[in-house]
Amino acid sequence: MTQQRDWNALSDEEFRRIAAEFFETHVPKHLKFLSRRPRWAEVSEWYMTMSRHGWLCPAWPQEWGGMGLSQSKALVYMEELERSGAPRVMDQGLMNIGPLLIAHGNEEQRRRFLPKIISGEHLWCQGYSEPNAGSDLASLRTEARLEGDEFVINGQKIWTSVAFDATHMFALVRTDKTVKKQAGISFLLIDMQQPGITVRPIRNIAGHEELCEVFLDNVRTPRANLVGELNAGWTIAKALLGFERIWSGSPRQSTLALLRLESLARASGKIDDPAFVDKYTQVAMDVLDSASAYERFAQIMRTGGSFGVEVSMLKIWATETCQRVTELMVEAAGDLGTLLGEVDVNGEPIDILYPFLDCRAFTIYGGSSQVQRNILAKLVLDLPA
């Protein structure tokens, strides 16, 4: 690992130049701008490259192996990472459970788990959603009962991203059924490599396997793997969900989809069709509007500020914009828009259908658009129930 450096002493512009150079130099070219979520075996080398150079955990404190970036620098890092086309790695440990343990875990938990995230020994997945407990997450029914110094867990999780490659899961479980549903939930860390855990991949509409359902049958975890207080996991869960919504509001997916749409239009000759150009201009302006809204929230982060439930607006805007762009791509492609994989458009290979299928889920995960609108109506606009 390279020697630690005070990145925050640099200007944002200088750090952006260094970050862009790092990603341009080190991101494997054959993994750039993939149209699917890669498996751990494909991206482990890239993960370990970032780890060796000290570029794996931008916002973690340096004492725990991170870069110690300010909010402003962390945002620059994420923007340049996305711009480079780098593949998505097993990032639940890096983006979610690592920062959460730093903020809410105890010293023993930090020492036990954080180094193994950086070394790639521990690969994490998120055990939140369940059948009938997705947007209404507090209705979860997976139970954990305390037996001596261990919790015994029974239940089912679903839509668990890349659980088939995970060694550990952080999960919300019900530990008290006698109180209101938000009050009886705890946050546990679970070793996936033990009897009683069954992982079943779910094939999505594009034909890829990324999501999974996970069955837990008398699975055990030590009491020492309880994060925070017993029955106080809902507060921790909300912290993670808020973080999800800012990043799911990034204009990256819409921008990439717009670039593909432009390539398709030029290769097919649609760029000379006034009716198409009118529709293209409308979605291009939508993408710019989405990017402008994201920049507003990003500026709040850069200056160390915080935001509340209004971030729900950002997620709605970004995800629905991406869907409109990909819908126009399929429309413009005609018959070619029905084919999976790269298709030849006058000599240029373009994947038309996958972006359309992939972004169907964007308005569901991290809180559906309907739930986000209810939040905005109640807590921002103060509309009656």
Protein backbone atom coordinates (compact mmCIF):
# COMPACT_ATOMS: atom_id res chain seq x y z
CA MET A 1 0.00 0.00 0.00
CA THR A 2 1.31 3.46 -0.84
CA GLN A 3 2.25 5.95 1.82
CA GLN A 4 -0.63 8.00 3.17
CA ARG A 5 -1.01 11.48 1.76
CA ASP A 6 -3.01 14.50 2.83
CA TRP A 7 -5.31 14.64 -0.18
CA ASN A 8 -7.41 17.38 1.39
CA ALA A 9 -4.46 19.79 1.18
CA LEU A 10 -4.94 19.80 -2.61
CA SER A 11 -7.49 21.87 -4.46
CA ASP A 12 -10.50 20.00 -5.83
CA GLU A 13 -9.20 20.67 -9.35
CA GLU A 14 -5.77 19.19 -8.63
CA PHE A 15 -7.26 16.17 -6.90
CA ARG A 16 -9.62 15.64 -9.84
CA ARG A 17 -6.63 15.57 -12.21
CA ILE A 18 -4.83 12.99 -10.06
CA ALA A 19 -7.97 10.84 -9.66
CA ALA A 20 -8.69 10.91 -13.40
CA GLU A 21 -5.09 9.89 -14.10
CA PHE A 22 -5.22 7.06 -11.56
CA PHE A 23 -8.41 5.55 -12.98
CA GLU A 24 -7.28 6.01 -16.59
CA THR A 25 -4.04 4.18 -15.77
CA HIS A 26 -5.38 1.35 -13.66
CA VAL A 27 -8.96 0.48 -14.65
CA PRO A 28 -8.76 -2.72 -16.78
CA LYS A 29 -9.78 -1.73 -20.29
CA HIS A 30 -11.78 -4.92 -20.90
CA LEU A 31 -13.98 -4.12 -17.88
CA LYS A 32 -14.86 -0.52 -18.76
CA PHE A 33 -18.53 0.41 -19.27
CA LEU A 34 -19.88 -3.09 -18.80
CA SER A 35 -23.57 -3.64 -19.54
CA ARG A 36 -23.94 -5.96 -16.55
CA ARG A 37 -22.86 -6.37 -12.94
CA PRO A 38 -19.60 -8.40 -12.97
CA ARG A 39 -18.85 -11.30 -10.63
CA TRP A 40 -16.20 -11.09 -7.93
CA ALA A 41 -13.83 -13.34 -9.88
CA GLU A 42 -13.84 -10.82 -12.72
CA VAL A 43 -13.20 -7.68 -10.65
CA SER A 44 -11.12 -9.01 -7.74
CA GLU A 45 -7.87 -7.97 -9.42
CA TRP A 46 -9.16 -4.40 -9.90
CA TYR A 47 -10.37 -4.36 -6.26
CA MET A 48 -6.94 -5.42 -5.03
CA THR A 49 -5.22 -2.86 -7.27
CA MET A 50 -7.17 -0.09 -5.57
CA SER A 51 -6.42 -1.64 -2.19
CA ARG A 52 -2.65 -1.81 -2.83
CA HIS A 53 -2.54 1.82 -3.91
CA GLY A 54 -4.69 3.03 -1.01
CA TRP A 55 -7.55 4.10 -3.33
CA LEU A 56 -10.20 1.62 -2.20
CA CYS A 57 -11.99 3.56 0.57
CA PRO A 58 -12.15 7.27 -0.28
CA ALA A 59 -14.12 8.50 2.73
CA TRP A 60 -12.76 6.17 5.43
CA PRO A 61 -10.37 7.77 7.93
CA GLN A 62 -6.70 7.13 7.20
CA GLU A 63 -6.29 5.32 10.52
CA TRP A 64 -8.54 2.56 9.12
CA GLY A 65 -6.84 2.37 5.73
CA GLY A 66 -8.92 4.95 3.90
CA MET A 67 -7.98 8.08 2.01
CA GLY A 68 -9.62 10.35 4.60
CA LEU A 69 -11.23 12.50 1.92
CA SER A 70 -13.44 15.42 2.78
CA GLN A 71 -16.99 15.38 1.43
CA SER A 72 -15.85 17.55 -1.46
CA LYS A 73 -12.94 15.28 -2.42
CA ALA A 74 -15.05 12.12 -1.96
CA LEU A 75 -17.56 13.50 -4.44
CA VAL A 76 -14.78 14.24 -6.95
CA TYR A 77 -13.51 10.67 -6.46
CA MET A 78 -16.94 9.20 -7.20
CA GLU A 79 -17.46 11.41 -10.24
CA GLU A 80 -14.10 10.45 -11.77
CA LEU A 81 -14.62 6.77 -10.94
CA GLU A 82 -17.93 6.83 -12.81
CA ARG A 83 -16.48 8.85 -15.67
CA SER A 84 -13.71 6.27 -16.14
CA GLY A 85 -16.22 3.46 -16.77
CA ALA A 86 -14.74 1.39 -13.94
CA PRO A 87 -16.67 -1.80 -13.17
CA ARG A 88 -18.69 -2.03 -10.00
CA VAL A 89 -16.94 -4.14 -7.39
CA MET A 90 -18.29 -5.80 -4.22
CA ASP A 91 -18.92 -2.40 -2.66
CA GLN A 92 -21.36 -2.95 0.21
CA GLY A 93 -18.42 -3.30 2.58
CA LEU A 94 -16.73 -0.18 1.22
CA MET A 95 -19.75 2.10 0.89
CA ASN A 96 -22.11 0.91 3.61
CA ILE A 97 -21.03 -1.41 6.40
CA GLY A 98 -17.49 0.00 6.67
CA PRO A 99 -18.56 3.63 7.22
CA LEU A 100 -21.40 2.42 9.44
CA LEU A 101 -19.03 0.49 11.73
CA ILE A 102 -16.74 3.52 11.88
CA ALA A 103 -19.68 5.68 12.98
CA HIS A 104 -21.81 3.25 15.02
CA GLY A 105 -19.74 0.14 15.74
CA ASN A 106 -17.52 -0.46 18.74
CA GLU A 107 -13.74 -0.61 18.70
CA GLU A 108 -13.61 -4.40 18.67
CA GLN A 109 -15.95 -4.58 15.66
CA ARG A 110 -13.90 -2.01 13.76
CA ARG A 111 -10.65 -3.88 14.40
CA ARG A 112 -12.17 -7.22 13.50
CA PHE A 113 -14.00 -6.31 10.29
CA LEU A 114 -12.52 -3.21 8.64
CA PRO A 115 -9.06 -4.59 7.72
CA LYS A 116 -10.65 -7.65 6.11
CA ILE A 117 -12.82 -5.47 3.91
CA ILE A 118 -9.72 -3.72 2.62
CA SER A 119 -7.89 -7.03 2.10
CA GLY A 120 -10.82 -8.50 0.17
CA GLU A 121 -11.20 -11.35 2.69
CA HIS A 122 -14.70 -10.22 3.65
CA LEU A 123 -17.23 -9.49 0.91
CA TRP A 124 -20.53 -8.06 2.17
CA CYS A 125 -24.14 -8.08 1.02
CA GLN A 126 -27.12 -6.21 2.44
CA GLY A 127 -29.95 -8.16 4.07
CA TYR A 128 -32.76 -5.61 4.17
CA SER A 129 -35.71 -6.35 1.86
CA GLU A 130 -38.00 -9.34 2.34
CA PRO A 131 -41.09 -10.67 0.59
CA ASN A 132 -43.84 -8.22 1.66
CA ALA A 133 -41.25 -5.94 3.26
CA GLY A 134 -39.60 -3.95 0.51
CA SER A 135 -40.71 -0.33 0.43
CA ASP A 136 -42.36 -0.97 3.80
CA LEU A 137 -39.11 -2.26 5.23
CA ALA A 138 -40.23 -1.97 8.85
CA SER A 139 -42.66 -4.85 8.24
CA LEU A 140 -39.78 -7.33 8.02
CA ARG A 141 -40.37 -10.72 9.66
CA THR A 142 -36.92 -12.35 9.82
CA GLU A 143 -36.50 -13.08 13.53
CA ALA A 144 -33.48 -13.38 15.79
CA ARG A 145 -33.81 -14.80 19.29
CA LEU A 146 -31.05 -14.61 21.84
CA GLU A 147 -29.74 -17.93 23.15
CA GLY A 148 -26.92 -17.32 25.60
CA ASP A 149 -24.25 -15.35 23.76
CA GLU A 150 -25.64 -16.06 20.29
CA PHE A 151 -28.54 -14.92 18.15
CA VAL A 152 -30.42 -17.64 16.27
CA ILE A 153 -31.86 -16.25 13.04
CA ASN A 154 -34.72 -17.57 10.90
CA GLY A 155 -36.30 -15.94 7.88
CA GLN A 156 -35.82 -14.87 4.30
CA LYS A 157 -34.23 -11.92 2.52
CA ILE A 158 -34.77 -11.00 -1.12
CA TRP A 159 -33.28 -8.73 -3.81
CA THR A 160 -29.93 -9.26 -2.08
CA SER A 161 -27.35 -8.05 -4.60
CA VAL A 162 -24.50 -10.48 -5.41
CA ALA A 163 -25.18 -12.58 -2.31
CA PHE A 164 -23.72 -15.58 -4.17
CA ASP A 165 -20.26 -13.99 -3.91
CA ALA A 166 -20.62 -12.61 -0.38
CA THR A 167 -18.88 -14.01 2.67
CA HIS A 168 -20.87 -11.85 5.14
CA MET A 169 -24.22 -10.12 5.38
CA PHE A 170 -25.38 -7.14 7.44
CA ALA A 171 -29.05 -7.61 8.16
CA LEU A 172 -32.06 -6.11 9.85
CA VAL A 173 -33.87 -8.65 12.02
CA ARG A 174 -36.84 -8.55 14.37
CA THR A 175 -35.80 -9.01 17.99
CA ASP A 176 -38.99 -7.81 19.71
CA LYS A 177 -42.52 -8.45 18.39
CA THR A 178 -44.30 -6.77 21.31
CA VAL A 179 -43.52 -3.16 20.33
CA LYS A 180 -44.30 -1.05 17.27
CA LYS A 181 -42.59 -2.43 14.21
CA GLN A 182 -39.80 0.16 13.91
CA ALA A 183 -38.86 -0.24 17.58
CA GLY A 184 -38.25 -4.00 17.61
CA ILE A 185 -35.54 -4.25 14.95
CA SER A 186 -31.83 -4.93 15.45
CA PHE A 187 -28.80 -4.71 13.17
CA LEU A 188 -26.68 -7.88 12.99
CA LEU A 189 -23.53 -9.00 11.19
CA ILE A 190 -23.77 -12.58 9.87
CA ASP A 191 -21.16 -15.00 8.52
CA MET A 192 -22.57 -16.41 5.26
CA GLN A 193 -20.20 -19.39 5.29
CA GLN A 194 -22.11 -21.60 7.71
CA PRO A 195 -24.83 -24.25 7.60
CA GLY A 196 -28.40 -23.00 7.36
CA ILE A 197 -27.83 -20.34 4.70
CA THR A 198 -29.20 -20.97 1.21
CA VAL A 199 -28.60 -18.46 -1.60
CA ARG A 200 -30.76 -18.69 -4.70
CA PRO A 201 -29.94 -16.35 -7.64
CA ILE A 202 -32.77 -14.48 -9.36
CA ARG A 203 -32.51 -14.07 -13.14
CA ASN A 204 -33.60 -10.59 -14.20
CA ILE A 205 -35.50 -9.64 -17.37
CA ALA A 206 -32.22 -9.04 -19.20
CA GLY A 207 -31.13 -12.61 -18.50
CA HIS A 208 -28.46 -11.73 -15.93
CA GLU A 209 -28.12 -12.96 -12.35
CA GLU A 210 -27.28 -10.22 -9.87
CA LEU A 211 -30.01 -10.29 -7.26
CA CYS A 212 -30.64 -13.22 -4.93
CA GLU A 213 -33.00 -14.52 -2.30
CA VAL A 214 -31.38 -15.73 0.89
CA PHE A 215 -32.94 -18.25 3.30
CA LEU A 216 -31.76 -18.37 6.92
CA ASP A 217 -32.56 -21.54 8.86
CA ASN A 218 -31.34 -21.50 12.48
CA VAL A 219 -28.34 -19.42 11.47
CA ARG A 220 -26.17 -18.23 14.34
CA THR A 221 -24.15 -15.11 15.01
CA PRO A 222 -22.43 -14.01 18.24
CA ARG A 223 -23.98 -11.27 20.33
CA ALA A 224 -20.73 -9.41 19.70
CA ASN A 225 -21.98 -8.97 16.09
CA LEU A 226 -24.86 -6.72 17.21
CA VAL A 227 -24.20 -3.18 15.94
CA GLY A 228 -25.57 -0.55 18.27
CA GLU A 229 -28.12 -1.35 20.93
CA LEU A 230 -30.63 -4.20 20.90
CA ASN A 231 -33.88 -3.14 19.18
CA ALA A 232 -32.27 0.10 17.96
CA GLY A 233 -31.41 -0.99 14.41
CA TRP A 234 -33.98 1.20 12.65
CA THR A 235 -31.94 4.37 13.22
CA ILE A 236 -28.89 2.70 11.65
CA ALA A 237 -30.99 1.44 8.73
CA LYS A 238 -32.24 4.95 7.96
CA ALA A 239 -28.68 6.26 7.85
CA LEU A 240 -27.80 3.75 5.13
CA LEU A 241 -30.98 4.37 3.13
CA GLY A 242 -30.31 8.11 3.06
CA PHE A 243 -26.83 7.47 1.66
CA GLU A 244 -28.31 5.17 -1.02
CA ARG A 245 -30.67 7.86 -2.23
CA ILE A 246 -28.02 10.50 -2.87
CA TRP A 247 -25.94 8.14 -5.01
CA SER A 248 -28.96 6.63 -6.79
CA GLY A 249 -29.74 10.24 -7.77
CA SER A 250 -26.49 10.53 -9.73
CA PRO A 251 -27.00 11.50 -13.40
CA ARG A 252 -24.38 8.92 -14.45
CA GLN A 253 -26.80 6.30 -15.79
CA SER A 254 -28.84 8.88 -17.69
CA THR A 255 -25.71 10.43 -19.18
CA LEU A 256 -24.37 7.06 -20.33
CA ALA A 257 -27.76 6.18 -21.81
CA LEU A 258 -27.85 9.50 -23.65
CA LEU A 259 -24.40 8.84 -25.14
CA ARG A 260 -25.62 5.44 -26.36
CA LEU A 261 -28.72 7.06 -27.81
CA GLU A 262 -26.60 9.62 -29.67
CA SER A 263 -24.35 6.84 -31.05
CA LEU A 264 -27.42 4.95 -32.22
CA ALA A 265 -28.91 8.05 -33.83
CA ARG A 266 -25.73 8.83 -35.79
CA ALA A 267 -25.13 5.23 -36.87
CA SER A 268 -28.73 4.72 -37.98
CA GLY A 269 -29.22 8.13 -39.60
CA LYS A 270 -31.97 9.07 -37.15
CA ILE A 271 -29.96 12.17 -36.28
CA ASP A 272 -31.27 13.70 -39.53
CA ASP A 273 -34.93 12.98 -38.69
CA PRO A 274 -36.56 16.19 -37.33
CA ALA A 275 -39.18 14.24 -35.37
CA PHE A 276 -36.47 12.20 -33.64
CA VAL A 277 -34.31 15.27 -33.01
CA ASP A 278 -37.25 16.93 -31.25
CA LYS A 279 -37.64 13.94 -28.90
CA TYR A 280 -33.88 13.65 -28.41
CA THR A 281 -33.63 17.32 -27.46
CA GLN A 282 -36.36 16.89 -24.86
CA VAL A 283 -34.64 13.97 -23.10
CA ALA A 284 -31.23 15.66 -23.40
CA MET A 285 -32.65 18.66 -21.54
CA ASP A 286 -34.12 16.30 -18.95
CA VAL A 287 -30.66 14.82 -18.37
CA LEU A 288 -29.18 18.30 -17.96
CA ASP A 289 -31.92 19.18 -15.48
CA SER A 290 -31.20 15.99 -13.55
CA ALA A 291 -27.49 16.79 -13.48
CA SER A 292 -28.24 20.31 -12.28
CA ALA A 293 -30.38 19.00 -9.43
CA TYR A 294 -27.66 16.51 -8.46
CA GLU A 295 -25.07 19.29 -8.50
CA ARG A 296 -27.20 21.27 -6.05
CA PHE A 297 -27.11 18.42 -3.53
CA ALA A 298 -23.45 17.75 -4.33
CA GLN A 299 -22.59 21.34 -3.47
CA ILE A 300 -24.24 20.88 -0.08
CA MET A 301 -21.98 17.87 0.48
CA ARG A 302 -18.90 19.77 -0.71
CA THR A 303 -19.46 22.48 1.88
CA GLY A 304 -20.00 19.98 4.69
CA GLY A 305 -23.74 20.57 4.92
CA SER A 306 -26.54 18.06 5.32
CA PHE A 307 -29.93 17.54 3.73
CA GLY A 308 -33.12 15.85 4.73
CA VAL A 309 -35.96 14.03 3.03
CA GLU A 310 -35.89 16.39 0.05
CA VAL A 311 -33.19 14.11 -1.38
CA SER A 312 -36.10 11.88 -2.41
CA MET A 313 -36.74 14.36 -5.22
CA LEU A 314 -33.29 13.66 -6.63
CA LYS A 315 -33.82 9.91 -6.82
CA ILE A 316 -37.19 10.30 -8.58
CA TRP A 317 -35.75 12.74 -11.09
CA ALA A 318 -32.64 10.74 -11.98
CA THR A 319 -34.24 7.31 -12.24
CA GLU A 320 -37.29 8.37 -14.24
CA THR A 321 -35.12 10.44 -16.59
CA CYS A 322 -32.97 7.40 -17.32
CA GLN A 323 -36.06 5.40 -18.16
CA ARG A 324 -37.26 8.03 -20.63
CA VAL A 325 -33.89 8.08 -22.40
CA THR A 326 -33.77 4.31 -22.81
CA GLU A 327 -37.39 4.17 -23.95
CA LEU A 328 -36.53 6.57 -26.76
CA MET A 329 -33.51 4.42 -27.67
CA VAL A 330 -35.67 1.33 -28.11
CA GLU A 331 -38.23 3.33 -30.09
CA ALA A 332 -35.56 4.78 -32.38
CA ALA A 333 -33.95 1.37 -32.98
CA GLY A 334 -37.10 -0.16 -34.46
CA ASP A 335 -36.79 -3.93 -34.89
CA LEU A 336 -33.22 -3.91 -33.53
CA GLY A 337 -34.63 -2.73 -30.20
CA THR A 338 -36.02 -6.22 -29.58
CA LEU A 339 -32.61 -7.95 -29.61
CA LEU A 340 -30.50 -8.70 -26.52
CA GLY A 341 -26.78 -7.99 -26.56
CA GLU A 342 -24.77 -5.84 -28.93
CA VAL A 343 -26.30 -5.42 -32.38
CA ASP A 344 -24.64 -4.09 -35.51
CA VAL A 345 -25.96 -0.68 -36.51
CA ASN A 346 -24.29 0.12 -39.83
CA GLY A 347 -20.96 -1.18 -38.58
CA GLU A 348 -21.18 0.13 -35.01
CA PRO A 349 -21.88 -2.40 -32.19
CA ILE A 350 -24.47 -0.96 -29.74
CA ASP A 351 -26.28 -2.62 -26.85
CA ILE A 352 -29.78 -1.19 -27.20
CA LEU A 353 -32.09 -3.36 -25.12
CA TYR A 354 -30.07 -4.00 -21.95
CA PRO A 355 -30.03 -0.36 -20.71
CA PHE A 356 -33.81 -0.24 -21.18
CA LEU A 357 -34.34 -3.46 -19.22
CA ASP A 358 -31.78 -2.61 -16.54
CA CYS A 359 -33.27 0.73 -15.59
CA ARG A 360 -36.74 -0.73 -15.03
CA ALA A 361 -35.58 -1.47 -11.48
CA PHE A 362 -34.16 2.00 -10.80
CA THR A 363 -37.52 3.42 -9.69
CA ILE A 364 -38.02 0.52 -7.26
CA TYR A 365 -34.83 -0.11 -5.29
CA GLY A 366 -33.76 2.24 -2.51
CA GLY A 367 -37.43 3.16 -2.01
CA SER A 368 -39.89 3.15 -4.90
CA SER A 369 -40.92 6.36 -6.67
CA GLN A 370 -44.37 6.06 -5.12
CA VAL A 371 -42.89 5.94 -1.63
CA GLN A 372 -40.55 8.84 -2.42
CA ARG A 373 -43.49 10.94 -3.60
CA ASN A 374 -45.40 10.15 -0.42
CA ILE A 375 -42.38 11.28 1.63
CA LEU A 376 -42.15 14.55 -0.28
CA ALA A 377 -45.89 15.17 -0.06
CA LYS A 378 -46.02 14.59 3.68
CA LEU A 379 -42.71 15.91 4.99
CA VAL A 380 -41.75 18.62 2.45
CA LEU A 381 -45.03 19.91 1.02
CA ASP A 382 -46.99 19.27 4.25
CA LEU A 383 -49.96 17.91 2.29
CA PRO A 384 -52.72 16.11 4.19
CA ALA A 385 -52.55 12.32 4.38
